[in-house]
Structures are given as C-alpha cells and as structure tokens.
N, C-alpha and C. Protein backbone atom coordinates (compact mmCIF):
# COMPACT_ATOMS: atom_id res chain seq x y z
N MET A 1 -11.79 -10.20 13.76
CA MET A 1 -11.78 -10.18 12.31
C MET A 1 -10.65 -9.28 11.83
N MET A 2 -9.85 -9.78 10.97
CA MET A 2 -8.71 -9.03 10.43
C MET A 2 -9.09 -8.41 9.09
N LEU A 3 -8.87 -7.13 8.96
CA LEU A 3 -9.11 -6.46 7.69
C LEU A 3 -7.79 -6.40 6.93
N THR A 4 -7.85 -6.63 5.65
CA THR A 4 -6.63 -6.61 4.86
C THR A 4 -6.78 -5.66 3.68
N GLY A 5 -5.65 -5.12 3.27
CA GLY A 5 -5.56 -4.36 2.04
C GLY A 5 -6.49 -3.18 1.92
N LYS A 6 -7.20 -3.17 0.80
CA LYS A 6 -8.04 -2.03 0.47
C LYS A 6 -9.23 -1.88 1.40
N LEU A 7 -9.77 -2.99 1.89
CA LEU A 7 -10.89 -2.90 2.82
C LEU A 7 -10.50 -2.17 4.09
N ARG A 8 -9.32 -2.48 4.62
CA ARG A 8 -8.82 -1.81 5.81
C ARG A 8 -8.65 -0.32 5.55
N LEU A 9 -8.10 0.03 4.39
CA LEU A 9 -7.90 1.43 4.04
C LEU A 9 -9.23 2.18 3.99
N TRP A 10 -10.23 1.57 3.35
CA TRP A 10 -11.53 2.24 3.23
C TRP A 10 -12.24 2.36 4.57
N VAL A 11 -12.07 1.38 5.43
CA VAL A 11 -12.65 1.46 6.78
C VAL A 11 -11.99 2.60 7.55
N LEU A 12 -10.66 2.70 7.47
CA LEU A 12 -9.96 3.78 8.16
C LEU A 12 -10.35 5.14 7.62
N VAL A 13 -10.42 5.27 6.30
CA VAL A 13 -10.82 6.54 5.70
C VAL A 13 -12.23 6.90 6.14
N GLY A 14 -13.12 5.93 6.18
CA GLY A 14 -14.49 6.17 6.63
C GLY A 14 -14.54 6.63 8.09
N LEU A 15 -13.79 5.94 8.95
CA LEU A 15 -13.77 6.31 10.36
C LEU A 15 -13.18 7.70 10.57
N TYR A 16 -12.07 8.00 9.92
CA TYR A 16 -11.47 9.32 10.04
C TYR A 16 -12.42 10.39 9.49
N SER A 17 -13.13 10.09 8.40
CA SER A 17 -14.08 11.05 7.83
C SER A 17 -15.18 11.39 8.83
N VAL A 18 -15.73 10.37 9.46
CA VAL A 18 -16.80 10.59 10.43
C VAL A 18 -16.28 11.41 11.61
N VAL A 19 -15.12 11.07 12.12
CA VAL A 19 -14.56 11.79 13.27
C VAL A 19 -14.25 13.24 12.90
N LEU A 20 -13.66 13.46 11.74
CA LEU A 20 -13.35 14.83 11.32
C LEU A 20 -14.62 15.63 11.11
N TRP A 21 -15.62 15.04 10.46
CA TRP A 21 -16.88 15.73 10.20
C TRP A 21 -17.58 16.07 11.52
N PHE A 22 -17.67 15.08 12.41
CA PHE A 22 -18.36 15.28 13.68
C PHE A 22 -17.65 16.32 14.55
N SER A 23 -16.34 16.24 14.66
CA SER A 23 -15.62 17.17 15.52
C SER A 23 -15.68 18.59 14.97
N GLY A 24 -15.59 18.74 13.66
CA GLY A 24 -15.71 20.07 13.07
C GLY A 24 -17.09 20.66 13.22
N THR A 25 -18.11 19.84 13.02
CA THR A 25 -19.48 20.30 13.17
C THR A 25 -19.77 20.67 14.62
N LEU A 26 -19.32 19.86 15.54
CA LEU A 26 -19.52 20.16 16.96
C LEU A 26 -18.81 21.46 17.35
N ALA A 27 -17.60 21.66 16.87
CA ALA A 27 -16.88 22.90 17.17
C ALA A 27 -17.62 24.11 16.61
N PHE A 28 -18.15 23.96 15.39
CA PHE A 28 -18.90 25.04 14.76
C PHE A 28 -20.17 25.35 15.56
N LEU A 29 -20.87 24.32 15.98
CA LEU A 29 -22.08 24.52 16.77
C LEU A 29 -21.78 25.13 18.13
N LEU A 30 -20.72 24.68 18.77
CA LEU A 30 -20.34 25.26 20.05
C LEU A 30 -19.95 26.72 19.92
N ARG A 31 -19.30 27.05 18.81
CA ARG A 31 -18.88 28.43 18.56
C ARG A 31 -20.07 29.38 18.56
N PHE A 32 -21.20 28.93 18.01
CA PHE A 32 -22.38 29.78 17.90
C PHE A 32 -23.48 29.37 18.87
N ASP A 33 -23.15 28.68 19.95
CA ASP A 33 -24.12 28.26 20.96
C ASP A 33 -25.30 27.51 20.33
N PHE A 34 -25.00 26.66 19.38
CA PHE A 34 -25.96 25.79 18.70
C PHE A 34 -27.02 26.54 17.90
N VAL A 35 -26.77 27.82 17.61
CA VAL A 35 -27.66 28.61 16.74
C VAL A 35 -26.77 29.27 15.69
N ILE A 36 -26.70 28.65 14.51
CA ILE A 36 -25.82 29.15 13.45
C ILE A 36 -26.48 30.35 12.78
N PRO A 37 -25.78 31.50 12.74
CA PRO A 37 -26.34 32.68 12.06
C PRO A 37 -26.56 32.42 10.57
N ASP A 38 -27.57 33.07 10.01
CA ASP A 38 -27.95 32.84 8.62
C ASP A 38 -26.82 33.13 7.63
N GLU A 39 -25.96 34.07 7.94
CA GLU A 39 -24.89 34.41 6.99
C GLU A 39 -23.83 33.32 6.87
N TYR A 40 -23.79 32.39 7.81
CA TYR A 40 -22.83 31.29 7.75
C TYR A 40 -23.37 30.04 7.07
N ILE A 41 -24.65 29.95 6.90
CA ILE A 41 -25.28 28.77 6.30
C ILE A 41 -24.74 28.47 4.89
N PRO A 42 -24.57 29.48 4.00
CA PRO A 42 -24.05 29.16 2.66
C PRO A 42 -22.63 28.59 2.65
N HIS A 43 -21.89 28.79 3.74
CA HIS A 43 -20.51 28.31 3.80
C HIS A 43 -20.39 26.87 4.29
N LEU A 44 -21.46 26.28 4.77
CA LEU A 44 -21.40 24.93 5.33
C LEU A 44 -20.99 23.86 4.32
N PRO A 45 -21.38 23.93 3.04
CA PRO A 45 -20.93 22.89 2.11
C PRO A 45 -19.41 22.83 1.93
N TYR A 46 -18.72 23.90 2.23
CA TYR A 46 -17.25 23.90 2.11
C TYR A 46 -16.60 23.02 3.17
N TRP A 47 -17.37 22.63 4.17
CA TRP A 47 -16.83 21.76 5.21
C TRP A 47 -16.41 20.41 4.62
N ALA A 48 -17.14 19.95 3.59
CA ALA A 48 -16.78 18.69 2.94
C ALA A 48 -15.40 18.80 2.29
N LEU A 49 -15.09 19.95 1.70
CA LEU A 49 -13.76 20.14 1.11
C LEU A 49 -12.68 20.18 2.18
N THR A 50 -13.01 20.74 3.31
CA THR A 50 -12.05 20.78 4.43
C THR A 50 -11.74 19.37 4.91
N VAL A 51 -12.76 18.55 5.07
CA VAL A 51 -12.56 17.16 5.51
C VAL A 51 -11.75 16.41 4.47
N LEU A 52 -12.07 16.60 3.20
CA LEU A 52 -11.32 15.94 2.12
C LEU A 52 -9.85 16.35 2.14
N GLY A 53 -9.58 17.63 2.32
CA GLY A 53 -8.20 18.11 2.39
C GLY A 53 -7.45 17.51 3.56
N LYS A 54 -8.12 17.41 4.70
CA LYS A 54 -7.48 16.81 5.88
C LYS A 54 -7.20 15.33 5.66
N LEU A 55 -8.12 14.63 5.01
CA LEU A 55 -7.89 13.21 4.71
C LEU A 55 -6.70 13.03 3.77
N ILE A 56 -6.59 13.90 2.80
CA ILE A 56 -5.45 13.84 1.87
C ILE A 56 -4.14 14.07 2.62
N LEU A 57 -4.12 15.05 3.51
CA LEU A 57 -2.91 15.30 4.29
C LEU A 57 -2.59 14.14 5.23
N LEU A 58 -3.59 13.56 5.85
CA LEU A 58 -3.34 12.39 6.70
C LEU A 58 -2.75 11.25 5.89
N ALA A 59 -3.25 11.05 4.69
CA ALA A 59 -2.70 9.99 3.82
C ALA A 59 -1.27 10.34 3.41
N ALA A 60 -1.01 11.60 3.10
CA ALA A 60 0.33 12.02 2.70
C ALA A 60 1.34 11.84 3.83
N PHE A 61 0.89 12.00 5.07
CA PHE A 61 1.79 11.82 6.21
C PHE A 61 1.85 10.36 6.67
N GLY A 62 1.16 9.46 5.97
CA GLY A 62 1.26 8.03 6.26
C GLY A 62 0.44 7.54 7.41
N GLN A 63 -0.61 8.26 7.79
CA GLN A 63 -1.41 7.85 8.94
C GLN A 63 -2.21 6.57 8.67
N PHE A 64 -2.57 6.31 7.44
CA PHE A 64 -3.39 5.15 7.15
C PHE A 64 -2.57 3.88 6.94
N SER A 65 -1.26 3.98 6.98
CA SER A 65 -0.43 2.80 6.72
C SER A 65 0.00 2.07 7.99
N GLY A 66 -0.13 2.70 9.14
CA GLY A 66 0.33 2.09 10.38
C GLY A 66 -0.74 1.28 11.08
N LEU A 67 -0.36 0.61 12.13
CA LEU A 67 -1.30 -0.14 12.96
C LEU A 67 -2.02 0.84 13.87
N LEU A 68 -3.31 0.62 14.05
CA LEU A 68 -4.06 1.48 14.95
C LEU A 68 -4.39 0.80 16.27
N SER A 69 -3.93 -0.42 16.44
CA SER A 69 -4.19 -1.10 17.70
C SER A 69 -3.31 -0.54 18.82
N TYR A 70 -2.18 0.04 18.47
CA TYR A 70 -1.29 0.68 19.43
C TYR A 70 -1.02 2.09 18.95
N PHE A 71 -1.41 3.07 19.74
CA PHE A 71 -1.20 4.46 19.38
C PHE A 71 0.06 4.93 20.10
N SER A 72 1.01 5.50 19.33
CA SER A 72 2.27 5.89 19.91
C SER A 72 2.63 7.32 19.52
N ILE A 73 3.77 7.77 19.97
CA ILE A 73 4.24 9.13 19.68
C ILE A 73 4.37 9.37 18.18
N PRO A 74 4.93 8.46 17.38
CA PRO A 74 4.98 8.71 15.94
C PRO A 74 3.59 8.90 15.31
N ASP A 75 2.59 8.16 15.80
CA ASP A 75 1.22 8.35 15.31
C ASP A 75 0.72 9.75 15.66
N PHE A 76 0.98 10.16 16.89
CA PHE A 76 0.58 11.50 17.33
C PHE A 76 1.25 12.57 16.48
N LYS A 77 2.53 12.39 16.20
CA LYS A 77 3.25 13.37 15.38
C LYS A 77 2.68 13.46 13.98
N ARG A 78 2.35 12.33 13.37
CA ARG A 78 1.77 12.35 12.02
C ARG A 78 0.45 13.10 12.00
N ILE A 79 -0.40 12.81 12.97
CA ILE A 79 -1.69 13.50 13.03
C ILE A 79 -1.49 14.98 13.32
N PHE A 80 -0.61 15.30 14.24
CA PHE A 80 -0.36 16.70 14.60
C PHE A 80 0.15 17.49 13.39
N TYR A 81 1.14 16.98 12.71
CA TYR A 81 1.70 17.71 11.56
C TYR A 81 0.70 17.84 10.42
N ALA A 82 -0.07 16.79 10.17
CA ALA A 82 -1.07 16.87 9.10
C ALA A 82 -2.15 17.89 9.43
N MET A 83 -2.63 17.90 10.66
CA MET A 83 -3.69 18.85 11.04
C MET A 83 -3.15 20.27 11.17
N ALA A 84 -1.90 20.42 11.59
CA ALA A 84 -1.30 21.76 11.65
C ALA A 84 -1.13 22.33 10.24
N LEU A 85 -0.70 21.50 9.31
CA LEU A 85 -0.57 21.96 7.92
C LEU A 85 -1.94 22.30 7.34
N ALA A 86 -2.96 21.51 7.67
CA ALA A 86 -4.32 21.80 7.20
C ALA A 86 -4.80 23.13 7.78
N ALA A 87 -4.54 23.37 9.04
CA ALA A 87 -4.95 24.63 9.67
C ALA A 87 -4.24 25.82 9.03
N CYS A 88 -2.95 25.67 8.75
CA CYS A 88 -2.19 26.75 8.09
C CYS A 88 -2.72 27.00 6.67
N GLY A 89 -3.05 25.92 5.98
CA GLY A 89 -3.61 26.06 4.64
C GLY A 89 -4.96 26.77 4.65
N LEU A 90 -5.82 26.39 5.61
CA LEU A 90 -7.12 27.04 5.71
C LEU A 90 -6.97 28.52 6.10
N LEU A 91 -6.03 28.81 6.96
CA LEU A 91 -5.77 30.20 7.34
C LEU A 91 -5.27 31.00 6.14
N ALA A 92 -4.38 30.41 5.36
CA ALA A 92 -3.86 31.10 4.17
C ALA A 92 -4.99 31.37 3.16
N ILE A 93 -5.87 30.39 2.98
CA ILE A 93 -7.01 30.58 2.07
C ILE A 93 -7.91 31.71 2.59
N ARG A 94 -8.13 31.71 3.87
CA ARG A 94 -9.01 32.75 4.47
C ARG A 94 -8.40 34.14 4.35
N LEU A 95 -7.08 34.24 4.52
CA LEU A 95 -6.43 35.56 4.46
C LEU A 95 -6.29 36.08 3.05
N PHE A 96 -6.19 35.18 2.07
CA PHE A 96 -6.04 35.64 0.69
C PHE A 96 -7.33 35.48 0.00
C-alpha cells in the first residue's frame, strides 16, 4: 500500500512520536532503575514538549520529506543534527 501526501506525513510523525516517546521513557526508567523518585514525577509532563520540539527539528531538517525505504548517510546526518540541536537546546534551557 502506497501512502501519499498528508497521510504519509501524519503516519511518519506518528511513528517518530512513538519512537521518541518510548526511547526517552525507557532511558528515564533505566536511569532510575525503574523506580522514579517522587521529586521527578512533576517534571514528566514536560516530556511531551521535548518530543514536540524534536519533531519540529526533524521536520526543519527535512527528515519527513525523504524516502524511508532506504536509509542512507544523508538520512543519518539529518537525524543526528536535529537530535544534537535538540540536546543542546535542552541543555541550554536546563543551565539557564
């Protein structure tokens, strides 16, 4: 089945959202050995903003416009630069 236009875009955004949410949550759980301290619980809703920011950066770097049937070095570079910029942004927010 071939997806075209906006449907393809929404499917990709949905898939990337799930992967970003799952990987971030798993990293957070692994960090605390699957027992999140009470002082971190109020900060969990901000994870949605982090995922949204990463999706915006992925779109800005053109990740949703290419073919995903073949993953190549340019795809890797787009993802790497978008996630590196997101990490730098989150670090800057945390420091200030």
